[in-house]
PDB file of N, CA and C in Angstrom:
ATOM      1  N   UNK A   1     109.713 258.016 233.705  1.00  0.00           N
ATOM      2  CA  UNK A   1     109.143 257.016 232.600  1.00  0.00           C
ATOM      3  C   UNK A   1     110.116 256.651 231.468  1.00  0.00           C
ATOM      4  N   UNK A   2     110.775 255.401 231.974  1.00  0.00           N
ATOM      5  CA  UNK A   2     111.717 255.025 231.179  1.00  0.00           C
ATOM      6  C   UNK A   2     111.072 253.947 230.142  1.00  0.00           C
ATOM      7  N   UNK A   3     111.417 253.828 228.925  1.00  0.00           N
ATOM      8  CA  UNK A   3     110.958 252.543 228.339  1.00  0.00           C
ATOM      9  C   UNK A   3     111.557 251.335 228.854  1.00  0.00           C
ATOM     10  N   UNK A   4     110.732 250.276 228.707  1.00  0.00           N
ATOM     11  CA  UNK A   4     111.144 249.008 229.401  1.00  0.00           C
ATOM     12  C   UNK A   4     112.154 248.182 228.855  1.00  0.00           C
ATOM     13  N   UNK A   5     112.295 248.348 227.326  1.00  0.00           N
ATOM     14  CA  UNK A   5     113.263 247.811 226.597  1.00  0.00           C
ATOM     15  C   UNK A   5     114.478 248.880 226.246  1.00  0.00           C
ATOM     16  N   UNK A   6     115.677 248.425 226.280  1.00  0.00           N
ATOM     17  CA  UNK A   6     116.707 249.296 225.890  1.00  0.00           C
ATOM     18  C   UNK A   6     116.858 249.222 224.212  1.00  0.00           C
ATOM     19  N   UNK A   7     116.745 250.290 223.632  1.00  0.00           N
ATOM     20  CA  UNK A   7     116.783 250.529 222.163  1.00  0.00           C
ATOM     21  C   UNK A   7     117.888 251.199 221.706  1.00  0.00           C
ATOM     22  N   UNK A   8     118.208 250.966 220.674  1.00  0.00           N
ATOM     23  CA  UNK A   8     119.230 252.080 219.955  1.00  0.00           C
ATOM     24  C   UNK A   8     118.735 253.296 219.429  1.00  0.00           C
ATOM     25  N   UNK A   9     117.409 253.379 219.207  1.00  0.00           N
ATOM     26  CA  UNK A   9     116.756 254.539 218.604  1.00  0.00           C
ATOM     27  C   UNK A   9     116.181 255.435 219.478  1.00  0.00           C
ATOM     28  N   UNK A  10     115.333 256.379 219.137  1.00  0.00           N
ATOM     29  CA  UNK A  10     114.697 257.354 220.092  1.00  0.00           C
ATOM     30  C   UNK A  10     113.225 256.817 220.103  1.00  0.00           C
ATOM     31  N   UNK A  11     112.831 256.761 221.524  1.00  0.00           N
ATOM     32  CA  UNK A  11     111.582 256.450 221.953  1.00  0.00           C
ATOM     33  C   UNK A  11     111.021 257.602 222.318  1.00  0.00           C
ATOM     34  N   UNK A  12     109.649 258.096 221.797  1.00  0.00           N
ATOM     35  CA  UNK A  12     108.974 259.128 222.294  1.00  0.00           C
ATOM     36  C   UNK A  12     107.887 258.759 222.976  1.00  0.00           C
ATOM     37  N   UNK A  13     107.639 259.223 224.366  1.00  0.00           N
ATOM     38  CA  UNK A  13     106.642 258.963 225.092  1.00  0.00           C
ATOM     39  C   UNK A  13     106.046 260.155 225.712  1.00  0.00           C
ATOM     40  N   UNK A  14     104.746 260.328 226.323  1.00  0.00           N
ATOM     41  CA  UNK A  14     104.145 261.363 227.029  1.00  0.00           C
ATOM     42  C   UNK A  14     104.973 261.436 228.360  1.00  0.00           C
ATOM     43  N   UNK A  15     105.094 262.566 228.713  1.00  0.00           N
ATOM     44  CA  UNK A  15     105.720 262.818 229.981  1.00  0.00           C
ATOM     45  C   UNK A  15     104.651 262.853 231.225  1.00  0.00           C
ATOM     46  N   UNK A  16     105.056 262.484 232.284  1.00  0.00           N
ATOM     47  CA  UNK A  16     103.930 262.281 233.293  1.00  0.00           C
ATOM     48  C   UNK A  16     104.588 262.857 234.467  1.00  0.00           C
ATOM     49  N   UNK A  17     103.724 263.264 235.563  1.00  0.00           N
ATOM     50  CA  UNK A  17     104.143 263.887 236.723  1.00  0.00           C
ATOM     51  C   UNK A  17     105.437 262.965 237.503  1.00  0.00           C
ATOM     52  N   UNK A  18     105.260 261.685 237.389  1.00  0.00           N
ATOM     53  CA  UNK A  18     106.406 261.081 237.990  1.00  0.00           C
ATOM     54  C   UNK A  18     107.897 261.192 237.127  1.00  0.00           C
ATOM     55  N   UNK A  19     107.947 261.818 236.235  1.00  0.00           N
ATOM     56  CA  UNK A  19     108.965 261.953 235.449  1.00  0.00           C
ATOM     57  C   UNK A  19     109.743 263.342 235.814  1.00  0.00           C
ATOM     58  N   UNK A  20     109.214 264.013 236.770  1.00  0.00           N
ATOM     59  CA  UNK A  20     109.734 265.302 237.030  1.00  0.00           C
ATOM     60  C   UNK A  20     111.551 265.279 237.022  1.00  0.00           C
ATOM     61  N   UNK A  21     111.888 264.463 237.988  1.00  0.00           N
ATOM     62  CA  UNK A  21     113.389 264.379 238.014  1.00  0.00           C
ATOM     63  C   UNK A  21     114.173 264.294 236.889  1.00  0.00           C
ATOM     64  N   UNK A  22     113.633 263.393 235.733  1.00  0.00           N
ATOM     65  CA  UNK A  22     114.094 262.992 234.621  1.00  0.00           C
ATOM     66  C   UNK A  22     114.072 264.292 233.685  1.00  0.00           C
ATOM     67  N   UNK A  23     113.028 265.152 233.869  1.00  0.00           N
ATOM     68  CA  UNK A  23     112.922 266.441 232.949  1.00  0.00           C
ATOM     69  C   UNK A  23     113.885 267.406 233.667  1.00  0.00           C
ATOM     70  N   UNK A  24     114.019 267.471 235.178  1.00  0.00           N
ATOM     71  CA  UNK A  24     114.823 268.479 235.729  1.00  0.00           C
ATOM     72  C   UNK A  24     116.206 268.217 235.256  1.00  0.00           C
ATOM     73  N   UNK A  25     116.752 267.084 235.178  1.00  0.00           N
ATOM     74  CA  UNK A  25     118.175 266.596 235.355  1.00  0.00           C
ATOM     75  C   UNK A  25     118.668 267.220 233.872  1.00  0.00           C
ATOM     76  N   UNK A  26     118.494 267.216 232.648  1.00  0.00           N
ATOM     77  CA  UNK A  26     119.056 267.891 231.437  1.00  0.00           C
ATOM     78  C   UNK A  26     119.086 269.214 231.691  1.00  0.00           C
ATOM     79  N   UNK A  27     117.996 270.093 232.271  1.00  0.00           N
ATOM     80  CA  UNK A  27     118.061 271.316 232.264  1.00  0.00           C
ATOM     81  C   UNK A  27     119.077 271.767 233.346  1.00  0.00           C
ATOM     82  N   UNK A  28     119.379 271.005 234.506  1.00  0.00           N
ATOM     83  CA  UNK A  28     120.535 271.335 235.466  1.00  0.00           C
ATOM     84  C   UNK A  28     121.934 271.222 234.654  1.00  0.00           C
ATOM     85  N   UNK A  29     121.966 270.244 233.774  1.00  0.00           N
ATOM     86  CA  UNK A  29     123.159 269.860 233.180  1.00  0.00           C
ATOM     87  C   UNK A  29     123.578 270.938 231.926  1.00  0.00           C
ATOM     88  N   UNK A  30     122.717 271.732 231.513  1.00  0.00           N
ATOM     89  CA  UNK A  30     123.013 272.500 230.275  1.00  0.00           C
ATOM     90  C   UNK A  30     124.110 273.480 230.645  1.00  0.00           C
ATOM     91  N   UNK A  31     124.953 273.761 229.509  1.00  0.00           N
ATOM     92  CA  UNK A  31     125.831 274.813 229.734  1.00  0.00           C
ATOM     93  C   UNK A  31     125.337 276.130 229.463  1.00  0.00           C
ATOM     94  N   UNK A  32     126.033 277.120 229.610  1.00  0.00           N
ATOM     95  CA  UNK A  32     125.604 278.520 229.661  1.00  0.00           C
ATOM     96  C   UNK A  32     125.009 278.658 228.195  1.00  0.00           C
ATOM     97  N   UNK A  33     125.730 278.410 227.306  1.00  0.00           N
ATOM     98  CA  UNK A  33     125.138 278.536 225.947  1.00  0.00           C
ATOM     99  C   UNK A  33     123.974 277.917 225.525  1.00  0.00           C
ATOM    100  N   UNK A  34     123.775 276.449 225.889  1.00  0.00           N
ATOM    101  CA  UNK A  34     122.591 275.745 225.716  1.00  0.00           C
ATOM    102  C   UNK A  34     121.460 276.439 226.450  1.00  0.00           C
ATOM    103  N   UNK A  35     121.584 276.703 227.776  1.00  0.00           N
ATOM    104  CA  UNK A  35     120.438 277.258 228.542  1.00  0.00           C
ATOM    105  C   UNK A  35     120.058 278.677 227.922  1.00  0.00           C
ATOM    106  N   UNK A  36     120.910 279.341 227.356  1.00  0.00           N
ATOM    107  CA  UNK A  36     120.489 280.507 226.742  1.00  0.00           C
ATOM    108  C   UNK A  36     119.638 280.508 225.630  1.00  0.00           C
ATOM    109  N   UNK A  37     120.102 279.351 224.734  1.00  0.00           N
ATOM    110  CA  UNK A  37     119.346 279.052 223.450  1.00  0.00           C
ATOM    111  C   UNK A  37     117.925 278.441 223.883  1.00  0.00           C
ATOM    112  N   UNK A  38     117.930 277.735 224.826  1.00  0.00           N
ATOM    113  CA  UNK A  38     116.732 277.023 225.442  1.00  0.00           C
ATOM    114  C   UNK A  38     115.767 277.924 225.856  1.00  0.00           C
ATOM    115  N   UNK A  39     116.322 278.980 226.820  1.00  0.00           N
ATOM    116  CA  UNK A  39     115.332 279.761 227.557  1.00  0.00           C
ATOM    117  C   UNK A  39     115.291 281.148 226.870  1.00  0.00           C
ATOM    118  N   UNK A  40     116.101 281.726 225.931  1.00  0.00           N
ATOM    119  CA  UNK A  40     116.077 282.867 225.507  1.00  0.00           C
ATOM    120  C   UNK A  40     116.438 283.841 226.304  1.00  0.00           C
ATOM    121  N   UNK A  41     117.431 283.409 227.244  1.00  0.00           N
ATOM    122  CA  UNK A  41     118.091 284.279 228.284  1.00  0.00           C
ATOM    123  C   UNK A  41     118.747 283.312 229.303  1.00  0.00           C
ATOM    124  N   UNK A  42     118.646 283.959 230.350  1.00  0.00           N
ATOM    125  CA  UNK A  42     119.184 283.394 231.498  1.00  0.00           C
ATOM    126  C   UNK A  42     118.359 282.045 231.937  1.00  0.00           C
ATOM    127  N   UNK A  43     118.978 281.217 232.603  1.00  0.00           N
ATOM    128  CA  UNK A  43     118.551 279.737 233.106  1.00  0.00           C
ATOM    129  C   UNK A  43     117.577 280.237 234.273  1.00  0.00           C
ATOM    130  N   UNK A  44     116.263 279.711 234.356  1.00  0.00           N
ATOM    131  CA  UNK A  44     115.403 279.755 235.335  1.00  0.00           C
ATOM    132  C   UNK A  44     116.069 279.515 236.695  1.00  0.00           C
ATOM    133  N   UNK A  45     115.950 280.055 237.832  1.00  0.00           N
ATOM    134  CA  UNK A  45     116.547 279.856 239.238  1.00  0.00           C
ATOM    135  C   UNK A  45     115.812 278.396 239.773  1.00  0.00           C
ATOM    136  N   UNK A  46     114.721 278.198 239.557  1.00  0.00           N
ATOM    137  CA  UNK A  46     113.883 277.363 240.113  1.00  0.00           C
ATOM    138  C   UNK A  46     113.514 276.213 239.157  1.00  0.00           C
ATOM    139  N   UNK A  47     114.370 275.261 238.715  1.00  0.00           N
ATOM    140  CA  UNK A  47     114.307 274.447 237.721  1.00  0.00           C
ATOM    141  C   UNK A  47     113.325 273.331 238.267  1.00  0.00           C
ATOM    142  N   UNK A  48     113.118 273.113 239.588  1.00  0.00           N
ATOM    143  CA  UNK A  48     112.358 272.167 240.003  1.00  0.00           C
ATOM    144  C   UNK A  48     110.868 272.380 239.686  1.00  0.00           C
ATOM    145  N   UNK A  49     110.643 273.715 239.821  1.00  0.00           N
ATOM    146  CA  UNK A  49     109.267 274.410 239.444  1.00  0.00           C
ATOM    147  C   UNK A  49     109.003 274.241 237.915  1.00  0.00           C
ATOM    148  N   UNK A  50     110.138 274.419 237.065  1.00  0.00           N
ATOM    149  CA  UNK A  50     109.892 274.156 235.675  1.00  0.00           C
ATOM    150  C   UNK A  50     109.597 272.732 235.268  1.00  0.00           C
ATOM    151  N   UNK A  51     110.299 272.145 235.924  1.00  0.00           N
ATOM    152  CA  UNK A  51     110.019 270.432 235.620  1.00  0.00           C
ATOM    153  C   UNK A  51     108.870 270.115 235.914  1.00  0.00           C
ATOM    154  N   UNK A  52     108.359 270.355 237.321  1.00  0.00           N
ATOM    155  CA  UNK A  52     107.009 270.037 237.775  1.00  0.00           C
ATOM    156  C   UNK A  52     105.810 270.636 236.832  1.00  0.00           C
ATOM    157  N   UNK A  53     106.212 271.748 236.220  1.00  0.00           N
ATOM    158  CA  UNK A  53     105.011 272.615 235.441  1.00  0.00           C
ATOM    159  C   UNK A  53     105.137 271.690 234.019  1.00  0.00           C
ATOM    160  N   UNK A  54     106.286 271.200 233.569  1.00  0.00           N
ATOM    161  CA  UNK A  54     106.321 270.546 232.359  1.00  0.00           C
ATOM    162  C   UNK A  54     105.648 269.223 232.554  1.00  0.00           C
ATOM    163  N   UNK A  55     105.657 268.524 233.701  1.00  0.00           N
ATOM    164  CA  UNK A  55     105.168 267.297 233.812  1.00  0.00           C
ATOM    165  C   UNK A  55     103.692 267.286 234.124  1.00  0.00           C
ATOM    166  N   UNK A  56     103.175 268.506 234.541  1.00  0.00           N
ATOM    167  CA  UNK A  56     101.696 268.471 234.800  1.00  0.00           C
ATOM    168  C   UNK A  56     100.915 268.274 233.688  1.00  0.00           C
ATOM    169  N   UNK A  57      99.880 267.377 233.846  1.00  0.00           N
ATOM    170  CA  UNK A  57      98.918 267.132 232.541  1.00  0.00           C
ATOM    171  C   UNK A  57      97.524 267.990 232.827  1.00  0.00           C
ATOM    172  N   UNK A  58      97.286 268.574 231.563  1.00  0.00           N
ATOM    173  CA  UNK A  58      95.930 269.436 231.571  1.00  0.00           C
ATOM    174  C   UNK A  58      95.580 269.351 230.226  1.00  0.00           C
ATOM    175  N   UNK A  59      94.410 269.715 229.847  1.00  0.00           N
ATOM    176  CA  UNK A  59      93.768 269.612 228.413  1.00  0.00           C
ATOM    177  C   UNK A  59      94.460 270.710 227.447  1.00  0.00           C
ATOM    178  N   UNK A  60      95.099 271.628 228.112  1.00  0.00           N
ATOM    179  CA  UNK A  60      95.694 272.788 227.358  1.00  0.00           C
ATOM    180  C   UNK A  60      97.250 272.491 226.829  1.00  0.00           C
ATOM    181  N   UNK A  61      97.687 271.516 227.315  1.00  0.00           N
ATOM    182  CA  UNK A  61      99.094 271.260 226.939  1.00  0.00           C
ATOM    183  C   UNK A  61      99.548 269.671 226.875  1.00  0.00           C
ATOM    184  N   UNK A  62     100.284 269.386 225.997  1.00  0.00           N
ATOM    185  CA  UNK A  62     100.891 268.008 225.710  1.00  0.00           C
ATOM    186  C   UNK A  62     102.485 268.175 225.784  1.00  0.00           C
ATOM    187  N   UNK A  63     103.020 266.996 226.570  1.00  0.00           N
ATOM    188  CA  UNK A  63     104.591 267.241 226.647  1.00  0.00           C
ATOM    189  C   UNK A  63     105.080 265.834 226.217  1.00  0.00           C
ATOM    190  N   UNK A  64     105.848 265.870 225.542  1.00  0.00           N
ATOM    191  CA  UNK A  64     106.729 264.587 224.953  1.00  0.00           C
ATOM    192  C   UNK A  64     108.125 264.500 225.368  1.00  0.00           C
ATOM    193  N   UNK A  65     108.596 263.207 225.857  1.00  0.00           N
ATOM    194  CA  UNK A  65     109.920 262.979 226.013  1.00  0.00           C
ATOM    195  C   UNK A  65     110.587 262.205 225.208  1.00  0.00           C
ATOM    196  N   UNK A  66     111.737 262.553 224.809  1.00  0.00           N
ATOM    197  CA  UNK A  66     112.628 261.657 223.780  1.00  0.00           C
ATOM    198  C   UNK A  66     113.517 260.956 224.511  1.00  0.00           C
ATOM    199  N   UNK A  67     113.406 259.703 224.586  1.00  0.00           N
ATOM    200  CA  UNK A  67     114.309 258.766 225.196  1.00  0.00           C
ATOM    201  C   UNK A  67     115.346 257.980 224.262  1.00  0.00           C
ATOM    202  N   UNK A  68     116.637 257.883 224.768  1.00  0.00           N
ATOM    203  CA  UNK A  68     117.582 256.982 223.942  1.00  0.00           C
ATOM    204  C   UNK A  68     118.305 256.148 225.115  1.00  0.00           C
ATOM    205  N   UNK A  69     117.961 254.731 225.233  1.00  0.00           N
ATOM    206  CA  UNK A  69     118.271 253.911 225.956  1.00  0.00           C
ATOM    207  C   UNK A  69     117.903 254.188 227.462  1.00  0.00           C
ATOM    208  N   UNK A  70     116.748 254.587 227.518  1.00  0.00           N
ATOM    209  CA  UNK A  70     116.002 254.894 228.931  1.00  0.00           C
ATOM    210  C   UNK A  70     116.377 256.346 229.423  1.00  0.00           C
ATOM    211  N   UNK A  71     117.334 256.974 228.673  1.00  0.00           N
ATOM    212  CA  UNK A  71     117.683 258.201 229.176  1.00  0.00           C
ATOM    213  C   UNK A  71     117.015 259.569 228.280  1.00  0.00           C
ATOM    214  N   UNK A  72     116.286 260.542 229.255  1.00  0.00           N
ATOM    215  CA  UNK A  72     115.638 261.623 228.455  1.00  0.00           C
ATOM    216  C   UNK A  72     116.753 262.216 227.882  1.00  0.00           C
ATOM    217  N   UNK A  73     116.590 262.655 226.461  1.00  0.00           N
ATOM    218  CA  UNK A  73     117.648 263.534 225.800  1.00  0.00           C
ATOM    219  C   UNK A  73     116.898 264.641 225.259  1.00  0.00           C
ATOM    220  N   UNK A  74     115.495 264.733 225.311  1.00  0.00           N
ATOM    221  CA  UNK A  74     114.829 265.914 224.706  1.00  0.00           C
ATOM    222  C   UNK A  74     113.395 265.941 225.313  1.00  0.00           C
ATOM    223  N   UNK A  75     112.671 267.189 225.324  1.00  0.00           N
ATOM    224  CA  UNK A  75     111.518 267.351 225.680  1.00  0.00           C
ATOM    225  C   UNK A  75     110.693 268.455 224.883  1.00  0.00           C
ATOM    226  N   UNK A  76     109.488 268.119 224.298  1.00  0.00           N
ATOM    227  CA  UNK A  76     108.707 269.143 223.489  1.00  0.00           C
ATOM    228  C   UNK A  76     107.672 269.460 224.235  1.00  0.00           C
ATOM    229  N   UNK A  77     107.350 270.474 224.328  1.00  0.00           N
ATOM    230  CA  UNK A  77     106.146 271.135 225.047  1.00  0.00           C
ATOM    231  C   UNK A  77     105.153 271.976 224.136  1.00  0.00           C
ATOM    232  N   UNK A  78     103.874 271.259 224.062  1.00  0.00           N
ATOM    233  CA  UNK A  78     103.072 271.585 223.053  1.00  0.00           C
ATOM    234  C   UNK A  78     101.694 272.579 223.803  1.00  0.00           C
ATOM    235  N   UNK A  79     101.437 273.704 223.693  1.00  0.00           N
ATOM    236  CA  UNK A  79     100.617 274.353 224.335  1.00  0.00           C
ATOM    237  C   UNK A  79      99.512 274.914 223.365  1.00  0.00           C
ATOM    238  N   UNK A  80      98.226 274.675 223.909  1.00  0.00           N
ATOM    239  CA  UNK A  80      97.070 275.158 223.055  1.00  0.00           C
ATOM    240  C   UNK A  80      96.882 276.537 223.296  1.00  0.00           C
ATOM    241  N   UNK A  81      96.796 277.530 222.540  1.00  0.00           N
ATOM    242  CA  UNK A  81      96.155 278.888 222.886  1.00  0.00           C
ATOM    243  C   UNK A  81      95.026 278.919 223.762  1.00  0.00           C
ATOM    244  N   UNK A  82      94.905 279.803 224.586  1.00  0.00           N
ATOM    245  CA  UNK A  82      93.610 279.943 225.535  1.00  0.00           C
ATOM    246  C   UNK A  82      92.342 280.089 224.806  1.00  0.00           C
ATOM    247  N   UNK A  83      92.593 280.895 223.475  1.00  0.00           N
ATOM    248  CA  UNK A  83      91.146 280.958 222.712  1.00  0.00           C
ATOM    249  C   UNK A  83      90.844 280.096 221.710  1.00  0.00           C
ATOM    250  N   UNK A  84      91.560 279.002 221.669  1.00  0.00           N
ATOM    251  CA  UNK A  84      91.275 277.917 220.858  1.00  0.00           C
ATOM    252  C   UNK A  84      90.559 276.687 221.730  1.00  0.00           C
ATOM    253  N   UNK A  85      89.395 276.313 221.342  1.00  0.00           N
ATOM    254  CA  UNK A  85      88.852 275.312 222.027  1.00  0.00           C
ATOM    255  C   UNK A  85      89.293 273.824 221.436  1.00  0.00           C
ATOM    256  N   UNK A  86      89.496 273.575 220.361  1.00  0.00           N
ATOM    257  CA  UNK A  86      89.907 272.356 219.804  1.00  0.00           C
ATOM    258  C   UNK A  86      91.254 272.407 219.187  1.00  0.00           C
ATOM    259  N   UNK A  87      91.751 271.224 219.363  1.00  0.00           N
ATOM    260  CA  UNK A  87      93.150 270.764 218.655  1.00  0.00           C
ATOM    261  C   UNK A  87      92.988 270.853 217.175  1.00  0.00           C
ATOM    262  N   UNK A  88      93.807 271.246 216.461  1.00  0.00           N
ATOM    263  CA  UNK A  88      94.059 271.132 214.930  1.00  0.00           C
ATOM    264  C   UNK A  88      94.519 269.734 214.576  1.00  0.00           C
ATOM    265  N   UNK A  89      94.157 269.103 213.709  1.00  0.00           N
ATOM    266  CA  UNK A  89      94.872 267.701 213.352  1.00  0.00           C
ATOM    267  C   UNK A  89      95.227 268.066 211.873  1.00  0.00           C
ATOM    268  N   UNK A  90      96.390 267.207 211.636  1.00  0.00           N
ATOM    269  CA  UNK A  90      96.928 267.181 210.309  1.00  0.00           C
ATOM    270  C   UNK A  90      96.255 265.920 209.604  1.00  0.00           C
ATOM    271  N   UNK A  91      96.287 266.065 208.292  1.00  0.00           N
ATOM    272  CA  UNK A  91      95.797 264.866 207.690  1.00  0.00           C
ATOM    273  C   UNK A  91      96.810 263.629 207.549  1.00  0.00           C
TER     274      UNK A  91
END
């Protein structure tokens, strides 16, 4: 899901199942240090499963992608606790 216009700033969009390859790519390119910081340990062996999981849409999670010039540069994964039935809102 690349933005249709090339921009110089960051564009934040919802991540969809079709974005799996875009999500998997930066995880594969991480060096050992960045992977350790991202995963709090070793990089997962099955990054395709991780990317697919991040791109799966369900009511208990929301995933955003940060794009610069159509390139995914960051992913934020928000998960609602199982015992929480409603999302909290800020004012």
